[in-house]
């Protein structure tokens, strides 16, 4: 690659791949995904990733963690994204009840994470891209 991708171009990639309605939506997905990647990637991979992402995102990759957290499951990884997504109400008809329940936005969160990871994959060198994907909980990229 010749130089870093521009921030706007990176957000456009995420917006397109995640079928998002706005760049602001992509910004939130990128911020949340990078925050979780900081927690699961070894420091050298975090540095390599930061060096290849748009310069404006490099600061988001700074981490105090000495060791990656290999125990983060899918739900914890997607948590920051799920907490900012809209939820939908539905009727809980188990046991004959008609209570309103919140329908999980896990599918939307996974779609947004995949969009960010795909944009990263197309932006960074193949070794860093593989290390990023290998650190993800297995169900994320399905």
C-alpha atoms as a PDB file:
ATOM      1  CA  UNK A   1       0.000   0.000   0.000  1.00  0.00           C
ATOM      2  CA  UNK A   2       1.182   3.508  -0.659  1.00  0.00           C
ATOM      3  CA  UNK A   3       0.383   5.479   2.471  1.00  0.00           C
ATOM      4  CA  UNK A   4      -2.572   5.409   4.790  1.00  0.00           C
ATOM      5  CA  UNK A   5      -6.155   5.466   3.676  1.00  0.00           C
ATOM      6  CA  UNK A   6      -7.982   8.721   4.354  1.00  0.00           C
ATOM      7  CA  UNK A   7     -10.449   8.741   7.235  1.00  0.00           C
ATOM      8  CA  UNK A   8     -13.426   9.644   5.049  1.00  0.00           C
ATOM      9  CA  UNK A   9     -12.626   6.825   2.641  1.00  0.00           C
ATOM     10  CA  UNK A  10     -12.362   4.359   5.516  1.00  0.00           C
ATOM     11  CA  UNK A  11     -15.735   5.446   6.917  1.00  0.00           C
ATOM     12  CA  UNK A  12     -17.248   5.181   3.427  1.00  0.00           C
ATOM     13  CA  UNK A  13     -15.996   1.582   3.175  1.00  0.00           C
ATOM     14  CA  UNK A  14     -17.564   0.726   6.529  1.00  0.00           C
ATOM     15  CA  UNK A  15     -20.820   2.504   5.626  1.00  0.00           C
ATOM     16  CA  UNK A  16     -21.112   0.623   2.330  1.00  0.00           C
ATOM     17  CA  UNK A  17     -20.178  -2.807   3.688  1.00  0.00           C
ATOM     18  CA  UNK A  18     -22.413  -2.493   6.720  1.00  0.00           C
ATOM     19  CA  UNK A  19     -25.345  -1.088   4.716  1.00  0.00           C
ATOM     20  CA  UNK A  20     -25.425   1.795   7.172  1.00  0.00           C
ATOM     21  CA  UNK A  21     -27.613   4.825   6.710  1.00  0.00           C
ATOM     22  CA  UNK A  22     -24.992   7.421   7.673  1.00  0.00           C
ATOM     23  CA  UNK A  23     -21.301   8.067   8.179  1.00  0.00           C
ATOM     24  CA  UNK A  24     -22.105   8.795  11.827  1.00  0.00           C
ATOM     25  CA  UNK A  25     -23.311   5.214  12.183  1.00  0.00           C
ATOM     26  CA  UNK A  26     -20.015   4.016  10.698  1.00  0.00           C
ATOM     27  CA  UNK A  27     -18.059   6.262  13.073  1.00  0.00           C
ATOM     28  CA  UNK A  28     -19.774   4.650  16.064  1.00  0.00           C
ATOM     29  CA  UNK A  29     -19.156   1.155  14.718  1.00  0.00           C
ATOM     30  CA  UNK A  30     -15.477   1.900  14.106  1.00  0.00           C
ATOM     31  CA  UNK A  31     -14.993   3.438  17.549  1.00  0.00           C
ATOM     32  CA  UNK A  32     -16.650   0.529  19.359  1.00  0.00           C
ATOM     33  CA  UNK A  33     -14.873  -2.137  17.289  1.00  0.00           C
ATOM     34  CA  UNK A  34     -11.453  -0.551  17.750  1.00  0.00           C
ATOM     35  CA  UNK A  35     -12.065  -0.302  21.502  1.00  0.00           C
ATOM     36  CA  UNK A  36     -12.711  -4.028  21.666  1.00  0.00           C
ATOM     37  CA  UNK A  37      -9.797  -4.881  19.363  1.00  0.00           C
ATOM     38  CA  UNK A  38      -7.486  -3.038  21.773  1.00  0.00           C
ATOM     39  CA  UNK A  39      -8.582  -5.512  24.436  1.00  0.00           C
ATOM     40  CA  UNK A  40      -8.029  -8.709  22.434  1.00  0.00           C
ATOM     41  CA  UNK A  41      -4.964  -7.972  20.308  1.00  0.00           C
ATOM     42  CA  UNK A  42      -1.336  -8.266  21.402  1.00  0.00           C
ATOM     43  CA  UNK A  43       0.397  -4.879  21.729  1.00  0.00           C
ATOM     44  CA  UNK A  44       2.583  -5.382  18.652  1.00  0.00           C
ATOM     45  CA  UNK A  45      -0.495  -6.080  16.519  1.00  0.00           C
ATOM     46  CA  UNK A  46      -2.252  -3.034  17.983  1.00  0.00           C
ATOM     47  CA  UNK A  47       0.776  -0.893  17.001  1.00  0.00           C
ATOM     48  CA  UNK A  48       0.873  -2.383  13.485  1.00  0.00           C
ATOM     49  CA  UNK A  49      -2.858  -1.817  13.059  1.00  0.00           C
ATOM     50  CA  UNK A  50      -2.656   1.766  14.322  1.00  0.00           C
ATOM     51  CA  UNK A  51       0.198   2.511  11.928  1.00  0.00           C
ATOM     52  CA  UNK A  52      -1.896   1.422   8.940  1.00  0.00           C
ATOM     53  CA  UNK A  53      -5.291   2.893   9.812  1.00  0.00           C
ATOM     54  CA  UNK A  54      -6.145   6.526   9.113  1.00  0.00           C
ATOM     55  CA  UNK A  55      -3.987   8.742  11.339  1.00  0.00           C
ATOM     56  CA  UNK A  56      -7.075  10.092  13.110  1.00  0.00           C
ATOM     57  CA  UNK A  57      -7.888   6.576  14.367  1.00  0.00           C
ATOM     58  CA  UNK A  58      -4.370   5.742  15.581  1.00  0.00           C
ATOM     59  CA  UNK A  59      -4.987   7.496  18.919  1.00  0.00           C
ATOM     60  CA  UNK A  60      -7.970   5.239  19.559  1.00  0.00           C
ATOM     61  CA  UNK A  61      -5.636   2.264  19.417  1.00  0.00           C
ATOM     62  CA  UNK A  62      -3.469   3.350  22.378  1.00  0.00           C
ATOM     63  CA  UNK A  63      -3.726   0.801  25.152  1.00  0.00           C
ATOM     64  CA  UNK A  64      -2.498   0.377  28.701  1.00  0.00           C
ATOM     65  CA  UNK A  65      -3.084  -3.375  28.651  1.00  0.00           C
ATOM     66  CA  UNK A  66       0.010  -5.552  28.848  1.00  0.00           C
ATOM     67  CA  UNK A  67      -1.651  -8.748  27.698  1.00  0.00           C
ATOM     68  CA  UNK A  68      -4.649  -9.352  25.446  1.00  0.00           C
ATOM     69  CA  UNK A  69      -7.825 -10.651  27.031  1.00  0.00           C
ATOM     70  CA  UNK A  70      -8.318 -14.009  25.351  1.00  0.00           C
ATOM     71  CA  UNK A  71     -11.471 -14.734  27.338  1.00  0.00           C
ATOM     72  CA  UNK A  72     -13.728 -12.131  25.737  1.00  0.00           C
ATOM     73  CA  UNK A  73     -16.718 -13.891  24.288  1.00  0.00           C
ATOM     74  CA  UNK A  74     -18.986 -12.803  21.488  1.00  0.00           C
ATOM     75  CA  UNK A  75     -21.484 -11.061  23.768  1.00  0.00           C
ATOM     76  CA  UNK A  76     -18.829  -9.006  25.560  1.00  0.00           C
ATOM     77  CA  UNK A  77     -17.115  -8.124  22.285  1.00  0.00           C
ATOM     78  CA  UNK A  78     -20.398  -6.932  20.747  1.00  0.00           C
ATOM     79  CA  UNK A  79     -21.590  -5.215  23.926  1.00  0.00           C
ATOM     80  CA  UNK A  80     -20.389  -1.682  23.166  1.00  0.00           C
ATOM     81  CA  UNK A  81     -22.057  -1.782  19.753  1.00  0.00           C
ATOM     82  CA  UNK A  82     -25.267  -3.318  21.033  1.00  0.00           C
ATOM     83  CA  UNK A  83     -25.588  -0.667  23.719  1.00  0.00           C
ATOM     84  CA  UNK A  84     -25.682   2.121  21.133  1.00  0.00           C
ATOM     85  CA  UNK A  85     -28.031   0.426  18.666  1.00  0.00           C
ATOM     86  CA  UNK A  86     -31.779   0.822  18.714  1.00  0.00           C
ATOM     87  CA  UNK A  87     -33.710  -2.132  20.037  1.00  0.00           C
ATOM     88  CA  UNK A  88     -37.113  -3.251  18.899  1.00  0.00           C
ATOM     89  CA  UNK A  89     -40.005  -4.269  21.062  1.00  0.00           C
ATOM     90  CA  UNK A  90     -41.878  -7.507  20.566  1.00  0.00           C
ATOM     91  CA  UNK A  91     -44.427  -9.478  22.496  1.00  0.00           C
ATOM     92  CA  UNK A  92     -43.172 -12.297  24.682  1.00  0.00           C
ATOM     93  CA  UNK A  93     -45.651 -15.079  24.147  1.00  0.00           C
ATOM     94  CA  UNK A  94     -43.868 -17.728  26.196  1.00  0.00           C
ATOM     95  CA  UNK A  95     -46.003 -19.208  28.913  1.00  0.00           C
ATOM     96  CA  UNK A  96     -48.996 -17.401  27.463  1.00  0.00           C
ATOM     97  CA  UNK A  97     -47.767 -13.950  28.498  1.00  0.00           C
ATOM     98  CA  UNK A  98     -48.153 -10.853  26.415  1.00  0.00           C
ATOM     99  CA  UNK A  99     -45.304  -8.888  27.963  1.00  0.00           C
ATOM    100  CA  UNK A 100     -43.218  -6.510  25.889  1.00  0.00           C
ATOM    101  CA  UNK A 101     -39.589  -7.549  25.540  1.00  0.00           C
ATOM    102  CA  UNK A 102     -36.623  -5.946  23.856  1.00  0.00           C
ATOM    103  CA  UNK A 103     -35.446  -7.800  20.772  1.00  0.00           C
ATOM    104  CA  UNK A 104     -31.677  -8.124  20.741  1.00  0.00           C
ATOM    105  CA  UNK A 105     -29.713  -6.088  18.283  1.00  0.00           C
ATOM    106  CA  UNK A 106     -26.962  -8.737  18.123  1.00  0.00           C
ATOM    107  CA  UNK A 107     -27.425  -9.275  14.381  1.00  0.00           C
ATOM    108  CA  UNK A 108     -27.015  -5.555  13.723  1.00  0.00           C
ATOM    109  CA  UNK A 109     -23.957  -5.362  15.972  1.00  0.00           C
ATOM    110  CA  UNK A 110     -22.329  -8.361  14.269  1.00  0.00           C
ATOM    111  CA  UNK A 111     -23.049  -6.833  10.846  1.00  0.00           C
ATOM    112  CA  UNK A 112     -21.394  -3.569  11.879  1.00  0.00           C
ATOM    113  CA  UNK A 113     -18.364  -5.336  13.370  1.00  0.00           C
ATOM    114  CA  UNK A 114     -17.977  -7.386  10.182  1.00  0.00           C
ATOM    115  CA  UNK A 115     -18.108  -4.185   8.118  1.00  0.00           C
ATOM    116  CA  UNK A 116     -15.312  -2.642  10.184  1.00  0.00           C
ATOM    117  CA  UNK A 117     -13.203  -5.817  10.079  1.00  0.00           C
ATOM    118  CA  UNK A 118     -13.659  -6.117   6.299  1.00  0.00           C
ATOM    119  CA  UNK A 119     -12.567  -2.488   5.873  1.00  0.00           C
ATOM    120  CA  UNK A 120      -9.549  -3.178   8.089  1.00  0.00           C
ATOM    121  CA  UNK A 121      -8.739  -6.308   6.073  1.00  0.00           C
ATOM    122  CA  UNK A 122      -8.699  -4.271   2.857  1.00  0.00           C
ATOM    123  CA  UNK A 123      -6.654  -1.475   4.441  1.00  0.00           C
ATOM    124  CA  UNK A 124      -3.813  -3.215   6.274  1.00  0.00           C
ATOM    125  CA  UNK A 125      -1.160  -5.755   5.344  1.00  0.00           C
ATOM    126  CA  UNK A 126      -2.266  -9.403   5.151  1.00  0.00           C
ATOM    127  CA  UNK A 127      -0.380 -10.495   8.294  1.00  0.00           C
ATOM    128  CA  UNK A 128      -1.995  -7.808  10.453  1.00  0.00           C
ATOM    129  CA  UNK A 129      -5.409  -8.545   8.913  1.00  0.00           C
ATOM    130  CA  UNK A 130      -5.055 -12.241   9.748  1.00  0.00           C
ATOM    131  CA  UNK A 131      -3.994 -11.464  13.321  1.00  0.00           C
ATOM    132  CA  UNK A 132      -7.014  -9.198  13.763  1.00  0.00           C
ATOM    133  CA  UNK A 133      -9.430 -11.824  12.446  1.00  0.00           C
ATOM    134  CA  UNK A 134      -7.805 -14.597  14.493  1.00  0.00           C
ATOM    135  CA  UNK A 135      -8.331 -12.598  17.703  1.00  0.00           C
ATOM    136  CA  UNK A 136     -12.087 -12.247  17.169  1.00  0.00           C
ATOM    137  CA  UNK A 137     -14.628 -14.466  18.884  1.00  0.00           C
ATOM    138  CA  UNK A 138     -15.443 -17.231  16.352  1.00  0.00           C
ATOM    139  CA  UNK A 139     -19.084 -16.326  15.730  1.00  0.00           C
ATOM    140  CA  UNK A 140     -18.397 -12.689  14.814  1.00  0.00           C
ATOM    141  CA  UNK A 141     -17.275 -13.260  11.217  1.00  0.00           C
ATOM    142  CA  UNK A 142     -19.942 -15.818  10.267  1.00  0.00           C
END
